Each structure stands twice: as C-alpha cells, then as structure tokens.
Amino acid sequence: LSRGAKHVTFIEHNSAAVAHICDNAKMLDAIGDTTIKACNTVSFLEKQASNTFDLVLLDPPYNLNLLSQCLELLERNNWLTPDAHVYFEHSAKQAIELPETWQTTHHQQAGQVIFALAKLKGH
C-alpha cells in the first residue's frame, strides 16, 4: 500500500500472523484497502479466481516445497493479469524448478535465501 497499490489481499494460515496483519492494517488506517484471508494458500489458489492480481508475493515455508504448486495454481485458475509478476523466496539449499510456462526475470541471493521475480512466458 505504501508503494501505490490500490488494494492488497493477504493470505496467511498462521493465526498469530493474521492478527499481526490485522493490527498493522488498522494502525495504517488501511482496513478498506486490504482483504485478509485466514486460510491455507494452496486451498485458496485451488479455487477459480474471483479477481486477478498483477503482483503476487510468495513466501511459503521452505520445507514444504509449495512454490511450484502455487505457481501452477496461479496460472491454471486465472489469478493473474496478463503482465503479472510473482516475487518469491526459497532456501538457497533448495533446488527449485519452475513450471515450464514460467520464466525468471530476476534472481539474487542474500545469505541462505534466494529471491526472484518471475512471470509467465510470452507475457
């Protein structure tokens, strides 16, 4: 929101993190500009999209290997606008294979974390 987003949707499974997000949204007077979903991200993305996003930030627990699955669901269930980008992080110890339809446009390592920006090929 501080970078010009009109609306932000948070999807968080951890109840303490959800409470923290709610508190921050209230403190920033941004409740009307946010949607906070207290649920499992994979379950959320398995549904057909009710709206689309041009920027998605994915930071799944590294040990669950959910990144490729989330990217596939974002594409399959039409969650993304045509020029959407997805920022994601993963452990540097973990080899990540993106689905065939995705391409990395930027990546960098900071300590034990790799962060990257990706988009669908041909977009």
Protein backbone atom coordinates (compact mmCIF):
# COMPACT_ATOMS: atom_id res chain seq x y z
CA LEU A 1 0.00 0.00 0.00
CA SER A 2 2.85 2.37 0.76
CA ARG A 3 4.15 1.77 -2.79
CA GLY A 4 0.91 2.72 -4.52
CA ALA A 5 -1.12 -0.49 -4.51
CA LYS A 6 -4.84 0.20 -4.62
CA HIS A 7 -5.67 -2.98 -2.75
CA VAL A 8 -3.74 -5.80 -1.08
CA THR A 9 -5.00 -9.30 -0.39
CA PHE A 10 -3.15 -11.18 2.35
CA ILE A 11 -3.43 -14.96 2.58
CA GLU A 12 -1.98 -16.33 5.80
CA HIS A 13 -2.50 -19.62 7.59
CA ASN A 14 -0.82 -18.76 10.90
CA SER A 15 -3.34 -17.15 13.28
CA ALA A 16 -0.72 -15.05 15.10
CA ALA A 17 0.48 -13.65 11.77
CA VAL A 18 -3.12 -12.93 10.73
CA ALA A 19 -3.67 -10.97 13.95
CA HIS A 20 -0.46 -9.02 13.31
CA ILE A 21 -1.54 -8.20 9.74
CA CYS A 22 -4.94 -7.02 11.01
CA ASP A 23 -3.31 -4.85 13.68
CA ASN A 24 -0.97 -3.28 11.12
CA ALA A 25 -3.81 -2.61 8.67
CA LYS A 26 -5.76 -0.88 11.45
CA MET A 27 -2.73 1.11 12.56
CA LEU A 28 -2.17 2.29 8.97
CA ASP A 29 -5.88 3.04 8.53
CA ALA A 30 -5.85 0.62 5.59
CA ILE A 31 -8.65 -1.79 6.51
CA GLY A 32 -10.69 -0.67 3.49
CA ASP A 33 -7.72 -1.26 1.20
CA THR A 34 -6.99 -4.80 2.38
CA THR A 35 -8.56 -8.23 2.29
CA ILE A 36 -7.20 -10.65 4.86
CA LYS A 37 -7.86 -14.35 4.32
CA ALA A 38 -7.01 -16.65 7.22
CA CYS A 39 -6.57 -19.87 5.28
CA ASN A 40 -4.20 -22.25 3.60
CA THR A 41 -2.74 -20.65 0.45
CA VAL A 42 -2.91 -23.81 -1.65
CA SER A 43 -6.60 -24.29 -0.78
CA PHE A 44 -7.29 -20.66 -1.66
CA LEU A 45 -5.49 -20.90 -5.02
CA GLU A 46 -7.23 -24.18 -5.94
CA LYS A 47 -10.44 -22.21 -6.47
CA GLN A 48 -11.16 -20.34 -9.68
CA ALA A 49 -10.11 -16.72 -9.37
CA SER A 50 -12.68 -14.22 -8.20
CA ASN A 51 -10.33 -11.37 -9.19
CA THR A 52 -6.86 -11.08 -10.72
CA PHE A 53 -3.56 -9.76 -9.44
CA ASP A 54 -0.68 -8.00 -11.17
CA LEU A 55 1.78 -8.66 -8.37
CA VAL A 56 1.93 -11.70 -6.12
CA LEU A 57 4.40 -12.19 -3.27
CA LEU A 58 5.01 -15.84 -2.36
CA ASP A 59 6.99 -16.79 0.71
CA PRO A 60 5.86 -20.32 1.55
CA PRO A 61 7.54 -22.34 4.32
CA TYR A 62 10.72 -23.58 2.66
CA ASN A 63 10.47 -27.13 3.97
CA LEU A 64 7.03 -27.76 2.39
CA ASN A 65 8.12 -27.32 -1.27
CA LEU A 66 4.96 -25.42 -2.21
CA LEU A 67 6.42 -22.89 -4.61
CA SER A 68 5.93 -24.77 -7.91
CA GLN A 69 2.45 -25.86 -6.87
CA CYS A 70 1.45 -22.28 -6.05
CA LEU A 71 2.79 -21.03 -9.41
CA GLU A 72 0.86 -23.73 -11.28
CA LEU A 73 -2.35 -22.87 -9.41
CA LEU A 74 -1.94 -19.14 -10.03
CA GLU A 75 -1.78 -19.85 -13.75
CA ARG A 76 -4.35 -22.66 -14.04
CA ASN A 77 -7.06 -20.89 -12.05
CA ASN A 78 -6.58 -17.50 -13.71
CA TRP A 79 -5.39 -15.50 -10.71
CA LEU A 80 -3.01 -13.33 -12.75
CA THR A 81 -3.37 -10.38 -15.10
CA PRO A 82 -1.55 -10.80 -18.44
CA ASP A 83 1.55 -8.84 -17.31
CA ALA A 84 1.62 -10.13 -13.74
CA HIS A 85 4.86 -10.73 -11.89
CA VAL A 86 5.40 -13.07 -8.97
CA TYR A 87 8.06 -12.40 -6.36
CA PHE A 88 9.14 -15.46 -4.42
CA GLU A 89 11.73 -16.62 -1.93
CA HIS A 90 13.22 -20.02 -1.22
CA SER A 91 16.14 -21.56 0.61
CA ALA A 92 19.47 -21.45 -1.19
CA LYS A 93 19.84 -25.09 -0.16
CA GLN A 94 16.75 -25.99 -2.15
CA ALA A 95 16.78 -26.51 -5.92
CA ILE A 96 13.63 -25.02 -7.43
CA GLU A 97 12.25 -25.99 -10.80
CA LEU A 98 9.68 -23.58 -12.12
CA PRO A 99 6.80 -24.95 -14.15
CA GLU A 100 7.59 -24.96 -17.90
CA THR A 101 5.32 -21.99 -18.58
CA TRP A 102 7.22 -19.69 -16.21
CA GLN A 103 10.44 -17.70 -16.61
CA THR A 104 12.58 -15.95 -14.05
CA THR A 105 13.22 -12.30 -14.90
CA HIS A 106 15.47 -11.55 -11.93
CA HIS A 107 17.05 -13.51 -9.12
CA GLN A 108 19.56 -12.83 -6.37
CA GLN A 109 20.88 -14.47 -3.24
CA ALA A 110 21.15 -12.92 0.21
CA GLY A 111 22.73 -15.31 2.69
CA GLN A 112 20.74 -18.53 2.73
CA VAL A 113 17.76 -17.07 0.82
CA ILE A 114 17.23 -16.76 -2.91
CA PHE A 115 14.66 -14.23 -4.02
CA ALA A 116 13.36 -13.95 -7.55
CA LEU A 117 10.86 -12.32 -9.83
CA ALA A 118 9.07 -14.48 -12.41
CA LYS A 119 6.32 -14.19 -14.97
CA LEU A 120 4.51 -16.41 -17.43
CA LYS A 121 6.41 -16.97 -20.68
CA GLY A 122 5.13 -14.97 -23.59
CA HIS A 123 3.73 -12.21 -21.40
